[in-house]
C-alpha atoms as a PDB file:
ATOM      1  CA  MET A   1      -2.604 -14.866   7.848  1.00  0.00           C
ATOM      2  CA  PRO A   2      -2.282 -14.299   4.125  1.00  0.00           C
ATOM      3  CA  LEU A   3       1.192 -13.394   2.964  1.00  0.00           C
ATOM      4  CA  ILE A   4       1.629 -11.116  -0.052  1.00  0.00           C
ATOM      5  CA  THR A   5       4.612  -9.367  -1.628  1.00  0.00           C
ATOM      6  CA  VAL A   6       4.586  -5.679  -2.572  1.00  0.00           C
ATOM      7  CA  LYS A   7       7.089  -3.667  -4.621  1.00  0.00           C
ATOM      8  CA  LEU A   8       8.636  -0.896  -2.528  1.00  0.00           C
ATOM      9  CA  LYS A   9      10.175   1.947  -4.522  1.00  0.00           C
ATOM     10  CA  TRP A  10      12.535   4.358  -2.789  1.00  0.00           C
ATOM     11  CA  GLY A  11      14.465   6.745  -4.978  1.00  0.00           C
ATOM     12  CA  LYS A  12      16.135   4.599  -7.629  1.00  0.00           C
ATOM     13  CA  GLN A  13      15.961   1.440  -5.533  1.00  0.00           C
ATOM     14  CA  GLU A  14      13.249  -1.206  -5.597  1.00  0.00           C
ATOM     15  CA  PHE A  15      12.615  -3.926  -3.020  1.00  0.00           C
ATOM     16  CA  ASP A  16      10.239  -6.892  -2.820  1.00  0.00           C
ATOM     17  CA  VAL A  17       8.695  -6.733   0.652  1.00  0.00           C
ATOM     18  CA  PRO A  18       6.727  -9.675   2.057  1.00  0.00           C
ATOM     19  CA  LEU A  19       3.681  -8.577   4.052  1.00  0.00           C
ATOM     20  CA  ASP A  20       1.536 -10.473   6.479  1.00  0.00           C
ATOM     21  CA  THR A  21      -1.812  -8.734   5.997  1.00  0.00           C
ATOM     22  CA  SER A  22      -2.798  -9.522   9.594  1.00  0.00           C
ATOM     23  CA  ASP A  23       0.043  -7.230  10.773  1.00  0.00           C
ATOM     24  CA  THR A  24      -0.252  -3.537  11.578  1.00  0.00           C
ATOM     25  CA  VAL A  25       1.171  -0.619   9.620  1.00  0.00           C
ATOM     26  CA  VAL A  26       3.943  -0.208  12.205  1.00  0.00           C
ATOM     27  CA  ALA A  27       5.128  -3.784  11.466  1.00  0.00           C
ATOM     28  CA  PHE A  28       5.318  -2.894   7.755  1.00  0.00           C
ATOM     29  CA  LYS A  29       7.191   0.332   8.548  1.00  0.00           C
ATOM     30  CA  THR A  30       9.639  -1.635  10.713  1.00  0.00           C
ATOM     31  CA  ALA A  31      10.360  -3.987   7.790  1.00  0.00           C
ATOM     32  CA  VAL A  32      10.854  -0.947   5.529  1.00  0.00           C
ATOM     33  CA  ARG A  33      13.333   0.537   8.027  1.00  0.00           C
ATOM     34  CA  GLY A  34      15.292  -2.725   7.950  1.00  0.00           C
ATOM     35  CA  LEU A  35      15.627  -2.485   4.168  1.00  0.00           C
ATOM     36  CA  THR A  36      16.194   1.251   3.759  1.00  0.00           C
ATOM     37  CA  GLY A  37      17.393   2.697   7.067  1.00  0.00           C
ATOM     38  CA  VAL A  38      14.593   5.306   6.990  1.00  0.00           C
ATOM     39  CA  PRO A  39      13.262   5.803  10.562  1.00  0.00           C
ATOM     40  CA  LEU A  40       9.540   5.171  11.107  1.00  0.00           C
ATOM     41  CA  GLU A  41       8.819   8.803  11.933  1.00  0.00           C
ATOM     42  CA  ARG A  42      10.334   9.938   8.594  1.00  0.00           C
ATOM     43  CA  GLN A  43       8.482   7.425   6.422  1.00  0.00           C
ATOM     44  CA  LYS A  44       5.678   8.502   4.132  1.00  0.00           C
ATOM     45  CA  LEU A  45       4.266   5.493   2.324  1.00  0.00           C
ATOM     46  CA  MET A  46       2.015   5.938  -0.694  1.00  0.00           C
ATOM     47  CA  ALA A  47       0.134   3.261  -2.623  1.00  0.00           C
ATOM     48  CA  LYS A  48      -2.401   4.361  -5.198  1.00  0.00           C
ATOM     49  CA  GLY A  49      -5.852   3.099  -4.248  1.00  0.00           C
ATOM     50  CA  ALA A  50      -4.655   0.983  -1.309  1.00  0.00           C
ATOM     51  CA  TRP A  51      -5.138   3.397   1.593  1.00  0.00           C
ATOM     52  CA  PRO A  52      -6.041   6.990   2.445  1.00  0.00           C
ATOM     53  CA  ALA A  53      -3.335   9.657   2.443  1.00  0.00           C
ATOM     54  CA  THR A  54      -2.456   9.209   6.123  1.00  0.00           C
ATOM     55  CA  LEU A  55      -1.666   5.785   7.575  1.00  0.00           C
ATOM     56  CA  LYS A  56      -2.336   5.144  11.256  1.00  0.00           C
ATOM     57  CA  ASP A  57       0.394   2.972  12.813  1.00  0.00           C
ATOM     58  CA  GLU A  58      -2.164   0.791  14.623  1.00  0.00           C
ATOM     59  CA  ALA A  59      -4.224   0.099  11.461  1.00  0.00           C
ATOM     60  CA  VAL A  60      -4.300  -3.525  10.264  1.00  0.00           C
ATOM     61  CA  LEU A  61      -3.129  -4.068   6.678  1.00  0.00           C
ATOM     62  CA  ALA A  62      -6.020  -6.482   5.978  1.00  0.00           C
ATOM     63  CA  THR A  63      -8.461  -3.542   6.281  1.00  0.00           C
ATOM     64  CA  MET A  64      -6.796  -1.857   3.302  1.00  0.00           C
ATOM     65  CA  ASP A  65      -7.096  -2.578  -0.395  1.00  0.00           C
ATOM     66  CA  ILE A  66      -3.507  -3.752  -0.851  1.00  0.00           C
ATOM     67  CA  LYS A  67      -2.902  -6.692  -3.169  1.00  0.00           C
ATOM     68  CA  GLU A  68      -0.075  -8.942  -4.370  1.00  0.00           C
ATOM     69  CA  GLY A  69       2.495  -6.960  -6.382  1.00  0.00           C
ATOM     70  CA  HIS A  70       1.071  -3.541  -5.400  1.00  0.00           C
ATOM     71  CA  ALA A  71       3.553  -0.689  -5.897  1.00  0.00           C
ATOM     72  CA  VAL A  72       4.313   1.236  -2.707  1.00  0.00           C
ATOM     73  CA  MET A  73       6.382   4.424  -2.860  1.00  0.00           C
ATOM     74  CA  LEU A  74       8.484   5.520   0.113  1.00  0.00           C
ATOM     75  CA  MET A  75       9.353   9.137   0.727  1.00  0.00           C
ATOM     76  CA  GLY A  76      11.890   9.796   3.472  1.00  0.00           C
ATOM     77  CA  THR A  77      15.589  10.103   4.198  1.00  0.00           C
ATOM     78  CA  ALA A  78      17.700   7.442   5.881  1.00  0.00           C
ATOM     79  CA  ASP A  79      19.819   7.954   8.963  1.00  0.00           C
ATOM     80  CA  ALA A  80      23.443   8.884   8.246  1.00  0.00           C
ATOM     81  CA  VAL A  81      25.647   5.791   8.059  1.00  0.00           C
END
């Protein structure tokens, strides 16, 4: 299970997110929720050249062209605190 780190950009914030490429998209989205508070159903994740426009939650990250240090942009609003 190769572990890589991607750069998650959300608004003006940036996070380093470790990814286990044997995990599914929903596991990645869960980690993103932990960092940002954006619920899974409100997350739109974009990474140029890494995956098609729509991510399926059950898709395995290893099947995508995501690499160490890849920039991933998150669109979505967090729950009210």
